[in-house]
Amino acid sequence: MELIYQKFTRERLSPAGVLEAVDFDIPKDFNFGFDVVDALAKKCPEKTALLHLDRERRERRFSFAEISALSNRAANALAGLGIGKGDVVLLVLRRNWQFWPIIVALHKLGAVAVPATDQLQKKDFVYRFRAAKIKAVLCTAEGEAAGHIEAALPESPTVRVCGMVNGLRPGWTDFDALMAASSPDFSRPAHSNDRDDLMLMYFTSGTTGYPKIAAHTFSYPLGHVVTARYWHNVRPDGIHFAISDTGWGKAVWGKLYGQWLCETCVFVFDFDRFHPAEVLEVIQDYKIDTFCAPPTMYRFFIKEDLSRFDLSHLKYACIAGEALNPEVFRQFYESTGLKLMEGFGQTETTLTVCNLVGTEPKPGSMGKPNPQYEVDLLTGEGKSAQPGEVGEIVLRTDRKVPVGMFRCYYLDEEKTKEAWHDGLYHTGDMAWKDEDGYFWYVGRTDDLIKSSGYRIGPFEIESVLMEHPAVLECAVTAVPDPIRGQAVKATIVLARGFEPSETLKKELQDHVKKMTAPYKYPRVVEFVSELPKTVSGKIKRVDIRGGTK
C-alpha cells in the first residue's frame, strides 16, 4: 500500500484543497501503527519523532525507528499478558514517554485504548472500569492514581491486568522491564483490525453528570490531517508543542496522529504544575515553531513580561479547549506579532470549526467550518439560523459521515440517539455566524442566561470582563432572581496586584455596562482564588451556579 501520510505533506491550503486531501478511500485494514509509524520507520528511520523533557527537564529523543521498535516490544509484552484484539485497556500514563509506544502497540494488537488522567479518584476509576469493561490498566508510579486504582479493584471485576511504568508497587507488573525483555519484532497479524473496528475511547469531559464514552474507530487518526497540517500548520522539519496531558483527547489532536502523519517532531514537556515562565522558557530554548494551548494558559502568558523571552522561532500559535477572549488575542499579538488561530471541536469529533492556515482570523471568532464537516446552526424551531441569529452547532451527516466522527457512545444506544439522530449530530454548543461566515461562540445550551426575557450568552460578558486589567480569569453564570427569573453572576479571579473590594466590584460592573448592553452587566460579583475546573481544564459552571456572596 502507498504510504498514506505522503498525501498530507503537499501544499493544499485552500478549502477545496483541504477537502481533496482528506476525501479518499481509506484502506479496509488501515492501522496507524503499521501504516504510519512503521512506514515512517522505513522511510526516515533516524528522524526524531518524539522529543521528551521530564519534570527535571532531562531530555530524551526517540526516532521513528525507535518508536516502531518500542511499540513492537510493548505489543509483545501486552500479548504475553493476554491482551489482544478488542480488549479494552485504560492508560493512566501522564506525559511519560511510554504513552506513545504503548498506544501504538495497542493499535497494532487491534485492542482498544482508553487514555485517562491521573487526577481521577477511586469512584472515577470504579465507574470507568465498569462502564468500559476495562480488562487491563497501565499506570504511572508517580502521583496517587495507583492507590486509587488499587482501592477500586475490588469493585471492578473485569480488570485482569495491572501494569506500571516508572516504578513499581506490590501486586503490579513491571511493564518497563517486560517491554525491555520483549522482542522488537512484531509482524502484522492477518486480521488485526478493520477500519470500522473500535480503536480509541475517551470519557467525555462533561461539566454535568457522569461522562459518556465517545468511541472512535481505526480510521479516526486520518481525521486529524486537517488538525495538524491545516490548523497547527506543522511541517516535516518542524517541532510542534501542544500542551495537554495524555488523558485528554487534545493529546491525540496535538501530540500524535496528525503530527506524525505529517512527519513532524512531537515535543512533550512533562511538567508537574503549569508555570507560564517555565513553559515560555522551554519554547525559547527548544526553538519551538508551532504551538497550541488552551485559553487559560495564554491568559497567564500575557500577564508575564513576554519581552524577557526570545520567541522569534515561534511561527504559529493556536488555541482550543474553550472560546478565545478577544483581549487575550490582542495582547498576545501585540507582544509576539502572532495571531492566535482558534479551533473548535469535541471529544466526539475532530476539528470542526477553525481558522485554517492562510485565513485571516477575527479576534474572538471560532473561525469557519472545517471543509471535511457540513456544519449548520439550528434555531429552537429547527431552522438554519440567519446571520446574527443564535443557534446550536450541528453536524449534518445524512449524506456522509466525516472521517474522525465518533461511532457511538460505547454501550449506550440511548445517549447516542439522543445526540445523533435524523442525520444530525447535536453538539450542545451555541453560536452565531456573521455575514462573512465566521462563527462566534455563545455557550453551552444549558449555560444560556434567561433574564427579563433576554437570552444572554456568558462568553460575551466574560470577554468584556477580560479586557479589564484586574481580571485574570472569570466565569459568568446565572443565579435565581425573584424579579428577572435569572440574573447574571460573574465569578472572578483577580490578577496580581489587585485586591477584592466593593469599589472594584462597582468598577467592573460599570465596565460591562459601558462596553455592552447595560442589561447584561453582572448584578452579582464574587471574587475567588481559583475557578473550579474539570480534569481536562474546563471551567465547571455547574459548580458555580446557584449561590451568591
Protein backbone atom coordinates (compact mmCIF):
# COMPACT_ATOMS: atom_id res chain seq x y z
CA MET A 1 0.00 0.00 0.00
CA GLU A 2 1.18 3.53 -0.83
CA LEU A 3 2.50 5.47 2.14
CA ILE A 4 -0.74 7.14 3.16
CA TYR A 5 0.80 10.05 5.06
CA GLN A 6 2.57 11.33 1.92
CA LYS A 7 -0.74 12.81 0.76
CA PHE A 8 -0.66 15.35 3.54
CA THR A 9 2.77 16.93 3.18
CA ARG A 10 1.73 18.60 -0.07
CA GLU A 11 0.57 22.19 -0.36
CA ARG A 12 -3.25 22.24 -0.44
CA LEU A 13 -4.22 25.17 1.71
CA SER A 14 -7.47 26.31 0.05
CA PRO A 15 -10.73 24.87 1.47
CA ALA A 16 -11.19 22.86 -1.72
CA GLY A 17 -7.62 21.61 -1.45
CA VAL A 18 -8.13 20.63 2.18
CA LEU A 19 -11.21 18.63 1.24
CA GLU A 20 -9.35 16.97 -1.62
CA ALA A 21 -6.56 15.94 0.74
CA VAL A 22 -8.87 14.13 3.16
CA ASP A 23 -11.56 12.85 0.78
CA PHE A 24 -10.22 9.46 -0.24
CA ASP A 25 -10.94 5.78 0.18
CA ILE A 26 -9.47 4.51 3.44
CA PRO A 27 -7.90 1.05 3.15
CA LYS A 28 -10.15 -1.52 4.78
CA ASP A 29 -7.44 -2.65 7.19
CA PHE A 30 -5.91 0.79 7.90
CA ASN A 31 -3.88 0.73 11.10
CA PHE A 32 -1.94 3.79 12.29
CA GLY A 33 0.71 1.61 13.93
CA PHE A 34 1.63 -0.34 10.81
CA ASP A 35 0.69 2.07 8.03
CA VAL A 36 2.13 5.25 9.51
CA VAL A 37 4.59 4.57 12.36
CA ASP A 38 6.24 1.51 10.79
CA ALA A 39 6.13 3.12 7.34
CA LEU A 40 7.97 6.18 8.68
CA ALA A 41 10.47 3.93 10.42
CA LYS A 42 11.36 2.57 6.99
CA LYS A 43 11.28 5.88 5.14
CA CYS A 44 13.16 8.07 7.65
CA PRO A 45 14.39 5.81 10.49
CA GLU A 46 16.72 8.36 12.10
CA LYS A 47 14.30 11.27 12.05
CA THR A 48 13.20 12.47 15.51
CA ALA A 49 9.59 11.53 16.19
CA LEU A 50 9.41 12.49 19.88
CA LEU A 51 11.45 14.98 21.91
CA HIS A 52 10.64 14.46 25.58
CA LEU A 53 11.51 16.51 28.67
CA ASP A 54 10.75 15.02 32.09
CA ARG A 55 9.87 17.02 35.20
CA GLU A 56 13.52 17.87 35.80
CA ARG A 57 13.82 18.88 32.13
CA ARG A 58 16.02 15.92 31.30
CA GLU A 59 15.85 15.31 27.58
CA ARG A 60 15.20 12.12 25.62
CA ARG A 61 14.85 11.85 21.84
CA PHE A 62 13.17 8.98 20.02
CA SER A 63 13.48 8.38 16.30
CA PHE A 64 10.69 6.87 14.23
CA ALA A 65 12.70 3.64 14.09
CA GLU A 66 12.92 3.61 17.90
CA ILE A 67 9.20 4.31 18.34
CA SER A 68 8.42 1.48 15.93
CA ALA A 69 10.69 -0.98 17.79
CA LEU A 70 9.43 0.14 21.22
CA SER A 71 5.82 -0.25 20.12
CA ASN A 72 6.68 -3.78 18.93
CA ARG A 73 8.18 -4.56 22.32
CA ALA A 74 5.08 -3.18 24.02
CA ALA A 75 2.81 -5.19 21.72
CA ASN A 76 4.67 -8.40 22.53
CA ALA A 77 4.60 -7.58 26.26
CA LEU A 78 0.86 -6.90 26.18
CA ALA A 79 0.18 -10.05 24.17
CA GLY A 80 2.10 -12.01 26.79
CA LEU A 81 -0.28 -10.61 29.41
CA GLY A 82 -3.26 -11.85 27.43
CA ILE A 83 -4.22 -8.60 25.71
CA GLY A 84 -5.45 -8.97 22.14
CA LYS A 85 -7.94 -7.79 19.57
CA GLY A 86 -10.95 -6.00 21.03
CA ASP A 87 -9.66 -5.91 24.62
CA VAL A 88 -10.12 -2.55 26.38
CA VAL A 89 -7.07 -1.08 28.14
CA LEU A 90 -7.02 2.02 30.36
CA LEU A 91 -3.86 4.18 30.09
CA VAL A 92 -3.02 6.41 33.06
CA LEU A 93 0.44 7.48 31.93
CA ARG A 94 0.54 11.29 32.38
CA ARG A 95 3.04 12.71 29.88
CA ASN A 96 5.56 9.91 30.36
CA TRP A 97 7.27 8.89 27.12
CA GLN A 98 5.89 5.34 27.43
CA PHE A 99 2.43 6.55 26.38
CA TRP A 100 3.49 6.85 22.73
CA PRO A 101 4.86 3.34 22.08
CA ILE A 102 2.16 1.77 24.26
CA ILE A 103 -0.81 3.34 22.49
CA VAL A 104 0.74 2.46 19.12
CA ALA A 105 1.21 -1.11 20.40
CA LEU A 106 -2.47 -1.33 21.32
CA HIS A 107 -3.35 -0.22 17.80
CA LYS A 108 -1.12 -2.94 16.35
CA LEU A 109 -2.84 -5.54 18.53
CA GLY A 110 -6.29 -4.39 17.45
CA ALA A 111 -7.08 -3.55 21.09
CA VAL A 112 -9.00 -0.51 22.34
CA ALA A 113 -7.05 2.23 24.14
CA VAL A 114 -8.78 4.37 26.79
CA PRO A 115 -6.49 7.24 27.92
CA ALA A 116 -7.33 8.78 31.29
CA THR A 117 -5.93 11.45 33.57
CA ASP A 118 -4.09 10.60 36.79
CA GLN A 119 -6.29 13.10 38.67
CA LEU A 120 -9.12 10.57 38.92
CA GLN A 121 -10.24 9.27 42.31
CA LYS A 122 -11.39 5.79 43.39
CA LYS A 123 -15.06 6.37 42.42
CA ASP A 124 -13.95 7.65 38.99
CA PHE A 125 -11.93 4.51 38.33
CA VAL A 126 -14.75 2.23 39.51
CA TYR A 127 -17.13 3.97 37.11
CA ARG A 128 -14.68 3.79 34.19
CA PHE A 129 -13.69 0.17 34.80
CA ARG A 130 -17.32 -0.91 34.85
CA ALA A 131 -18.70 1.35 32.10
CA ALA A 132 -15.99 0.46 29.56
CA LYS A 133 -15.44 -3.13 30.75
CA ILE A 134 -11.73 -2.49 31.17
CA LYS A 135 -9.56 -5.63 31.03
CA ALA A 136 -6.17 -4.06 31.79
CA VAL A 137 -4.82 -0.84 33.23
CA LEU A 138 -1.34 0.60 32.70
CA CYS A 139 -0.44 3.30 35.20
CA THR A 140 2.46 5.55 36.11
CA ALA A 141 4.07 5.10 39.52
CA GLU A 142 4.09 8.87 40.13
CA GLY A 143 1.26 10.51 41.99
CA GLU A 144 -1.75 9.00 43.74
CA ALA A 145 -3.55 7.32 40.83
CA ALA A 146 -2.19 3.84 41.52
CA GLY A 147 -3.52 3.93 45.09
CA HIS A 148 -6.97 4.93 43.87
CA ILE A 149 -6.87 2.15 41.26
CA GLU A 150 -5.99 -0.41 43.93
CA ALA A 151 -8.90 0.80 46.04
CA ALA A 152 -11.21 0.46 43.02
CA LEU A 153 -10.19 -3.07 42.04
CA PRO A 154 -12.45 -4.98 44.50
CA GLU A 155 -15.44 -3.31 42.79
CA SER A 156 -14.09 -3.81 39.26
CA PRO A 157 -14.48 -7.45 38.24
CA THR A 158 -13.45 -7.04 34.60
CA VAL A 159 -9.89 -5.83 35.37
CA ARG A 160 -7.42 -8.70 34.97
CA VAL A 161 -4.06 -6.97 34.43
CA CYS A 162 -2.33 -4.08 36.23
CA GLY A 163 0.97 -2.86 34.80
CA MET A 164 3.15 0.00 35.97
CA VAL A 165 5.79 2.26 34.40
CA ASN A 166 8.46 4.47 36.01
CA GLY A 167 8.45 2.48 39.24
CA LEU A 168 6.75 -0.45 40.91
CA ARG A 169 4.29 -1.26 43.70
CA PRO A 170 3.49 -4.68 45.18
CA GLY A 171 0.97 -6.59 43.11
CA TRP A 172 1.71 -4.72 39.89
CA THR A 173 3.55 -5.97 36.78
CA ASP A 174 6.76 -4.07 35.98
CA PHE A 175 5.81 -3.10 32.45
CA ASP A 176 9.07 -1.27 31.75
CA ALA A 177 11.03 -4.46 32.48
CA LEU A 178 8.56 -6.54 30.48
CA MET A 179 8.93 -4.24 27.48
CA ALA A 180 12.72 -4.31 27.70
CA ALA A 181 12.70 -8.12 27.74
CA SER A 182 10.32 -8.41 24.78
CA SER A 183 11.25 -8.75 21.13
CA PRO A 184 11.48 -5.59 18.99
CA ASP A 185 9.90 -7.51 16.10
CA PHE A 186 6.16 -7.81 15.71
CA SER A 187 4.54 -8.99 12.49
CA ARG A 188 1.24 -7.64 11.33
CA PRO A 189 -1.47 -10.19 12.15
CA ALA A 190 -3.53 -11.48 9.22
CA HIS A 191 -6.71 -9.88 10.60
CA SER A 192 -5.55 -7.35 13.17
CA ASN A 193 -8.41 -4.95 12.55
CA ASP A 194 -10.98 -3.49 10.19
CA ARG A 195 -11.07 0.27 9.69
CA ASP A 196 -14.51 0.32 11.35
CA ASP A 197 -13.44 -1.60 14.48
CA LEU A 198 -13.17 0.34 17.73
CA MET A 199 -9.66 1.63 18.39
CA LEU A 200 -9.84 4.50 20.89
CA MET A 201 -12.30 5.66 23.54
CA TYR A 202 -12.41 8.77 25.70
CA PHE A 203 -14.65 9.57 28.62
CA THR A 204 -16.10 12.96 27.72
CA SER A 205 -15.15 15.93 29.87
CA GLY A 206 -18.73 16.95 30.55
CA THR A 207 -19.38 19.51 33.27
CA THR A 208 -22.55 17.76 34.49
CA GLY A 209 -23.37 14.13 35.29
CA TYR A 210 -21.30 11.05 34.59
CA PRO A 211 -19.15 11.29 31.47
CA LYS A 212 -20.16 9.41 28.35
CA ILE A 213 -17.70 7.21 26.41
CA ALA A 214 -17.01 8.52 22.92
CA ALA A 215 -15.84 5.54 20.85
CA HIS A 216 -13.67 6.00 17.74
CA THR A 217 -12.65 3.56 15.02
CA PHE A 218 -9.32 2.80 13.36
CA SER A 219 -9.97 5.43 10.68
CA TYR A 220 -10.06 8.19 13.33
CA PRO A 221 -6.38 9.26 13.06
CA LEU A 222 -6.88 10.31 9.44
CA GLY A 223 -9.47 12.84 10.54
CA HIS A 224 -6.64 14.78 12.21
CA VAL A 225 -4.84 15.63 8.99
CA VAL A 226 -6.67 18.96 8.97
CA THR A 227 -5.89 19.46 12.67
CA ALA A 228 -2.15 19.21 12.16
CA ARG A 229 -1.46 20.34 8.60
CA TYR A 230 -4.10 22.99 8.02
CA TRP A 231 -4.67 24.37 11.52
CA HIS A 232 -1.50 23.75 13.56
CA ASN A 233 0.49 24.42 10.37
CA VAL A 234 3.05 21.73 11.17
CA ARG A 235 5.90 20.92 8.78
CA PRO A 236 8.06 17.81 8.28
CA ASP A 237 11.09 19.76 9.53
CA GLY A 238 9.28 21.40 12.44
CA ILE A 239 8.79 20.86 16.19
CA HIS A 240 5.21 21.01 17.45
CA PHE A 241 4.42 21.62 21.12
CA ALA A 242 0.82 21.11 22.28
CA ILE A 243 0.08 21.40 25.98
CA SER A 244 -2.09 18.50 27.07
CA ASP A 245 -1.99 15.61 29.48
CA THR A 246 -2.28 12.29 27.65
CA GLY A 247 -5.53 11.61 29.49
CA TRP A 248 -7.29 14.29 27.46
CA GLY A 249 -8.49 13.96 23.87
CA LYS A 250 -6.41 17.02 22.97
CA ALA A 251 -3.30 14.87 23.36
CA VAL A 252 -4.02 12.82 20.24
CA TRP A 253 -5.13 16.01 18.48
CA GLY A 254 -1.80 17.73 19.08
CA LYS A 255 0.78 15.15 20.10
CA LEU A 256 0.29 12.09 17.91
CA TYR A 257 -1.88 11.31 14.89
CA GLY A 258 -1.90 14.33 12.61
CA GLN A 259 1.62 15.37 13.57
CA TRP A 260 3.18 12.02 12.66
CA LEU A 261 1.04 11.80 9.52
CA CYS A 262 2.87 14.99 8.54
CA GLU A 263 6.29 13.68 9.73
CA THR A 264 6.53 16.37 12.43
CA CYS A 265 8.55 16.03 15.63
CA VAL A 266 6.24 15.98 18.67
CA PHE A 267 7.58 17.92 21.66
CA VAL A 268 6.49 16.88 25.17
CA PHE A 269 7.23 18.66 28.44
CA ASP A 270 6.10 16.58 31.42
CA PHE A 271 5.80 19.40 33.95
CA ASP A 272 4.15 18.81 37.32
CA ARG A 273 2.41 22.18 37.59
CA PHE A 274 1.97 24.82 34.93
CA HIS A 275 4.29 27.78 35.40
CA PRO A 276 3.96 30.21 32.47
CA ALA A 277 7.52 31.48 32.65
CA GLU A 278 8.90 27.93 32.57
CA VAL A 279 6.85 26.99 29.51
CA LEU A 280 7.88 30.19 27.71
CA GLU A 281 11.49 29.39 28.54
CA VAL A 282 11.13 25.90 27.04
CA ILE A 283 9.59 27.35 23.86
CA GLN A 284 12.57 29.68 23.65
CA ASP A 285 15.29 27.11 24.41
CA TYR A 286 13.99 24.40 22.08
CA LYS A 287 13.08 26.78 19.26
CA ILE A 288 9.52 25.52 19.06
CA ASP A 289 7.98 26.70 15.80
CA THR A 290 4.30 25.67 16.19
CA PHE A 291 2.42 25.73 19.48
CA CYS A 292 -1.08 25.03 20.80
CA ALA A 293 -2.53 25.55 24.28
CA PRO A 294 -5.89 26.25 25.95
CA PRO A 295 -7.03 29.83 26.61
CA THR A 296 -6.24 29.63 30.33
CA MET A 297 -2.53 29.31 29.60
CA TYR A 298 -2.48 32.22 27.18
CA ARG A 299 -4.22 34.31 29.83
CA PHE A 300 -1.27 33.60 32.11
CA PHE A 301 1.27 34.18 29.31
CA ILE A 302 0.06 37.74 28.66
CA LYS A 303 0.44 38.56 32.36
CA GLU A 304 4.16 37.72 32.07
CA ASP A 305 6.75 40.10 30.68
CA LEU A 306 6.97 38.42 27.27
CA SER A 307 9.85 40.67 26.24
CA ARG A 308 12.09 38.62 28.56
CA PHE A 309 11.81 35.62 26.20
CA ASP A 310 13.16 35.12 22.71
CA LEU A 311 10.13 33.75 20.89
CA SER A 312 11.39 34.65 17.42
CA HIS A 313 11.48 31.00 16.35
CA LEU A 314 7.76 30.58 17.14
CA LYS A 315 5.98 30.95 13.80
CA TYR A 316 2.45 29.80 14.56
CA ALA A 317 0.21 29.63 17.62
CA CYS A 318 -3.21 28.01 18.03
CA ILE A 319 -5.77 27.91 20.79
CA ALA A 320 -8.51 25.43 21.70
CA GLY A 321 -10.40 23.95 24.63
CA GLU A 322 -12.59 26.97 25.34
CA ALA A 323 -13.54 30.08 23.40
CA LEU A 324 -10.87 32.76 23.00
CA ASN A 325 -11.43 36.16 24.58
CA PRO A 326 -10.56 38.96 22.10
CA GLU A 327 -8.48 40.76 24.73
CA VAL A 328 -6.17 37.74 25.04
CA PHE A 329 -5.81 37.70 21.24
CA ARG A 330 -4.96 41.41 21.18
CA GLN A 331 -2.36 41.35 23.96
CA PHE A 332 -0.61 38.23 22.65
CA TYR A 333 -0.48 39.71 19.15
CA GLU A 334 0.96 42.99 20.42
CA SER A 335 3.66 41.10 22.33
CA THR A 336 4.62 38.48 19.73
CA GLY A 337 3.22 39.52 16.35
CA LEU A 338 1.38 36.18 16.22
CA LYS A 339 -2.35 35.94 15.61
CA LEU A 340 -3.87 33.17 17.68
CA MET A 341 -5.71 30.72 15.41
CA GLU A 342 -8.71 29.40 17.29
CA GLY A 343 -10.25 25.99 16.67
CA PHE A 344 -13.31 24.17 17.99
CA GLY A 345 -14.18 20.50 18.23
CA GLN A 346 -15.31 17.87 20.69
CA THR A 347 -14.18 14.52 22.04
CA GLU A 348 -16.75 13.05 19.64
CA THR A 349 -15.22 14.75 16.58
CA THR A 350 -12.03 16.18 15.21
CA LEU A 351 -11.60 19.87 14.40
CA THR A 352 -14.99 21.15 13.19
CA VAL A 353 -14.80 24.97 13.18
CA CYS A 354 -11.44 26.67 12.86
CA ASN A 355 -9.18 29.35 11.46
CA LEU A 356 -7.23 27.50 8.78
CA VAL A 357 -3.74 28.36 7.61
CA GLY A 358 -3.93 31.25 5.17
CA THR A 359 -7.15 32.73 6.54
CA GLU A 360 -7.43 35.98 8.47
CA PRO A 361 -8.77 35.41 11.99
CA LYS A 362 -11.28 37.71 13.59
CA PRO A 363 -10.37 38.15 17.26
CA GLY A 364 -12.82 36.15 19.36
CA SER A 365 -14.26 34.18 16.44
CA MET A 366 -14.05 30.38 16.25
CA GLY A 367 -13.46 30.70 12.50
CA LYS A 368 -15.29 28.89 9.72
CA PRO A 369 -16.34 25.24 9.29
CA ASN A 370 -13.61 22.71 8.56
CA PRO A 371 -14.31 21.66 4.93
CA GLN A 372 -14.48 17.99 5.91
CA TYR A 373 -17.62 18.70 8.01
CA GLU A 374 -21.02 20.05 6.98
CA VAL A 375 -21.74 22.45 9.84
CA ASP A 376 -25.00 24.29 10.46
CA LEU A 377 -26.62 26.39 13.18
CA LEU A 378 -30.14 25.37 14.15
CA THR A 379 -32.63 27.58 15.97
CA GLY A 380 -35.05 26.27 18.58
CA GLU A 381 -37.58 25.85 15.76
CA GLY A 382 -35.21 23.55 13.89
CA LYS A 383 -34.44 26.04 11.11
CA SER A 384 -31.00 27.14 9.91
CA ALA A 385 -30.06 30.32 11.74
CA GLN A 386 -29.63 33.51 9.75
CA PRO A 387 -26.54 35.73 10.15
CA GLY A 388 -26.59 37.24 13.62
CA GLU A 389 -29.09 34.67 14.93
CA VAL A 390 -28.03 32.28 17.70
CA GLY A 391 -28.37 28.56 17.06
CA GLU A 392 -26.99 25.20 18.14
CA ILE A 393 -23.93 23.96 16.27
CA VAL A 394 -24.92 20.73 14.49
CA LEU A 395 -23.09 18.46 12.05
CA ARG A 396 -25.06 17.15 9.08
CA THR A 397 -24.27 13.51 8.41
CA ASP A 398 -27.16 12.42 6.20
CA ARG A 399 -25.02 12.50 3.05
CA LYS A 400 -21.72 11.35 4.53
CA VAL A 401 -20.20 10.72 7.97
CA PRO A 402 -16.87 12.59 8.08
CA VAL A 403 -13.66 10.75 8.85
CA GLY A 404 -12.94 11.40 12.53
CA MET A 405 -16.53 11.36 13.83
CA PHE A 406 -17.12 9.00 16.71
CA ARG A 407 -19.10 5.84 16.03
CA CYS A 408 -21.22 5.87 19.17
CA TYR A 409 -21.30 6.34 22.91
CA TYR A 410 -19.96 2.97 23.97
CA LEU A 411 -22.66 0.56 25.14
CA ASP A 412 -25.19 3.41 25.37
CA GLU A 413 -27.56 3.42 22.41
CA GLU A 414 -29.98 5.78 24.17
CA LYS A 415 -27.43 8.58 24.65
CA THR A 416 -26.10 8.04 21.12
CA LYS A 417 -29.56 8.52 19.60
CA GLU A 418 -30.22 11.47 21.87
CA ALA A 419 -27.25 13.35 20.42
CA TRP A 420 -27.20 11.93 16.88
CA HIS A 421 -30.45 11.36 15.03
CA ASP A 422 -32.18 12.21 11.76
CA GLY A 423 -28.85 12.81 10.05
CA LEU A 424 -27.79 15.45 12.58
CA TYR A 425 -25.23 15.33 15.39
CA HIS A 426 -26.10 17.89 18.07
CA THR A 427 -23.02 19.36 19.77
CA GLY A 428 -24.91 21.15 22.55
CA ASP A 429 -22.86 24.31 21.84
CA MET A 430 -24.47 27.60 20.80
CA ALA A 431 -23.03 30.13 18.38
CA TRP A 432 -23.96 32.70 15.75
CA LYS A 433 -22.30 33.49 12.45
CA ASP A 434 -21.68 36.84 10.81
CA GLU A 435 -22.20 37.92 7.20
CA ASP A 436 -18.73 36.62 6.30
CA GLY A 437 -19.48 33.11 7.60
CA TYR A 438 -17.35 33.36 10.77
CA PHE A 439 -18.77 31.57 13.82
CA TRP A 440 -18.90 33.26 17.23
CA TYR A 441 -19.27 31.15 20.37
CA VAL A 442 -22.10 31.88 22.80
CA GLY A 443 -22.01 28.98 25.30
CA ARG A 444 -23.40 25.56 26.07
CA THR A 445 -27.13 25.20 25.63
CA ASP A 446 -27.54 24.88 29.40
CA ASP A 447 -25.26 27.89 30.07
CA LEU A 448 -27.55 30.48 28.43
CA ILE A 449 -28.94 33.01 30.91
CA LYS A 450 -32.61 34.00 30.55
CA SER A 451 -33.13 37.33 32.31
CA SER A 452 -36.22 39.55 31.93
CA GLY A 453 -37.00 37.97 28.57
CA TYR A 454 -33.44 38.37 27.26
CA ARG A 455 -31.23 35.41 26.27
CA ILE A 456 -27.70 36.23 27.39
CA GLY A 457 -24.63 34.25 26.34
CA PRO A 458 -21.98 34.11 29.09
CA PHE A 459 -18.97 34.24 26.77
CA GLU A 460 -19.65 37.79 25.57
CA ILE A 461 -19.69 39.12 29.13
CA GLU A 462 -16.59 37.11 30.06
CA SER A 463 -14.76 38.62 27.09
CA VAL A 464 -15.67 42.15 28.19
CA LEU A 465 -14.52 41.45 31.75
CA MET A 466 -11.23 40.04 30.42
CA GLU A 467 -10.47 43.46 28.93
CA HIS A 468 -10.17 44.89 32.43
CA PRO A 469 -6.59 44.68 33.80
CA ALA A 470 -7.83 43.40 37.18
CA VAL A 471 -9.30 40.21 35.72
CA LEU A 472 -7.13 37.11 35.27
CA GLU A 473 -9.96 34.57 34.81
CA CYS A 474 -13.72 34.71 35.07
CA ALA A 475 -16.86 32.67 34.62
CA VAL A 476 -20.32 34.10 34.00
CA THR A 477 -23.35 32.10 35.13
CA ALA A 478 -26.98 32.57 36.09
CA VAL A 479 -28.35 32.93 39.62
CA PRO A 480 -32.04 32.90 40.58
CA ASP A 481 -33.69 36.32 40.71
CA PRO A 482 -37.27 36.81 42.01
CA ILE A 483 -38.00 39.63 39.55
CA ARG A 484 -35.97 38.76 36.45
CA GLY A 485 -36.13 34.97 36.68
CA GLN A 486 -32.34 34.83 36.42
CA ALA A 487 -29.60 37.39 36.97
CA VAL A 488 -26.05 37.49 35.68
CA LYS A 489 -23.28 36.49 38.09
CA ALA A 490 -19.55 36.94 37.48
CA THR A 491 -17.08 34.81 39.42
CA ILE A 492 -13.65 36.40 39.08
CA VAL A 493 -10.03 35.52 39.78
CA LEU A 494 -8.04 38.73 40.13
CA ALA A 495 -4.69 39.42 38.51
CA ARG A 496 -1.60 40.04 40.61
CA GLY A 497 -1.67 43.42 42.33
CA PHE A 498 -5.45 43.67 42.71
CA GLU A 499 -7.48 43.06 45.85
CA PRO A 500 -11.23 42.41 46.22
CA SER A 501 -13.29 45.44 47.22
CA GLU A 502 -16.73 46.94 46.74
CA THR A 503 -15.09 49.73 44.75
CA LEU A 504 -13.52 47.25 42.32
CA LYS A 505 -16.81 45.33 42.06
CA LYS A 506 -18.63 48.54 41.05
CA GLU A 507 -15.84 49.41 38.62
CA LEU A 508 -16.17 46.02 36.88
CA GLN A 509 -19.95 46.32 36.70
CA ASP A 510 -19.68 49.79 35.16
CA HIS A 511 -17.07 48.48 32.71
CA VAL A 512 -19.52 45.87 31.41
CA LYS A 513 -22.35 48.44 31.19
CA LYS A 514 -20.10 50.68 29.15
CA MET A 515 -18.78 48.00 26.78
CA THR A 516 -22.00 46.08 26.06
CA ALA A 517 -25.77 46.30 26.52
CA PRO A 518 -26.49 47.51 30.09
CA TYR A 519 -28.94 44.66 30.82
CA LYS A 520 -26.03 42.20 30.52
CA TYR A 521 -23.99 43.56 33.40
CA PRO A 522 -23.32 41.16 36.33
CA ARG A 523 -25.60 42.07 39.20
CA VAL A 524 -23.68 39.61 41.37
CA VAL A 525 -19.86 39.64 41.52
CA GLU A 526 -17.84 37.15 43.53
CA PHE A 527 -14.06 37.19 43.88
CA VAL A 528 -12.37 33.79 44.30
CA SER A 529 -8.81 32.50 44.41
CA GLU A 530 -9.46 29.93 41.65
CA LEU A 531 -12.25 28.63 39.44
CA PRO A 532 -13.49 25.03 39.70
CA LYS A 533 -12.46 23.06 36.64
CA THR A 534 -12.89 19.61 35.15
CA VAL A 535 -9.90 17.29 34.97
CA SER A 536 -9.45 18.48 31.37
CA GLY A 537 -9.20 22.12 32.50
CA LYS A 538 -12.65 23.38 31.51
CA ILE A 539 -14.49 25.69 33.89
CA LYS A 540 -17.20 23.83 35.82
CA ARG A 541 -20.00 26.39 35.64
CA VAL A 542 -22.35 23.87 37.22
CA ASP A 543 -20.32 24.20 40.46
CA ILE A 544 -20.59 27.99 40.35
CA ARG A 545 -24.31 28.36 39.62
CA GLY A 546 -26.80 28.98 42.39
CA GLY A 547 -25.18 30.64 45.38
CA THR A 548 -24.47 34.33 45.91
CA LYS A 549 -21.95 36.00 48.11
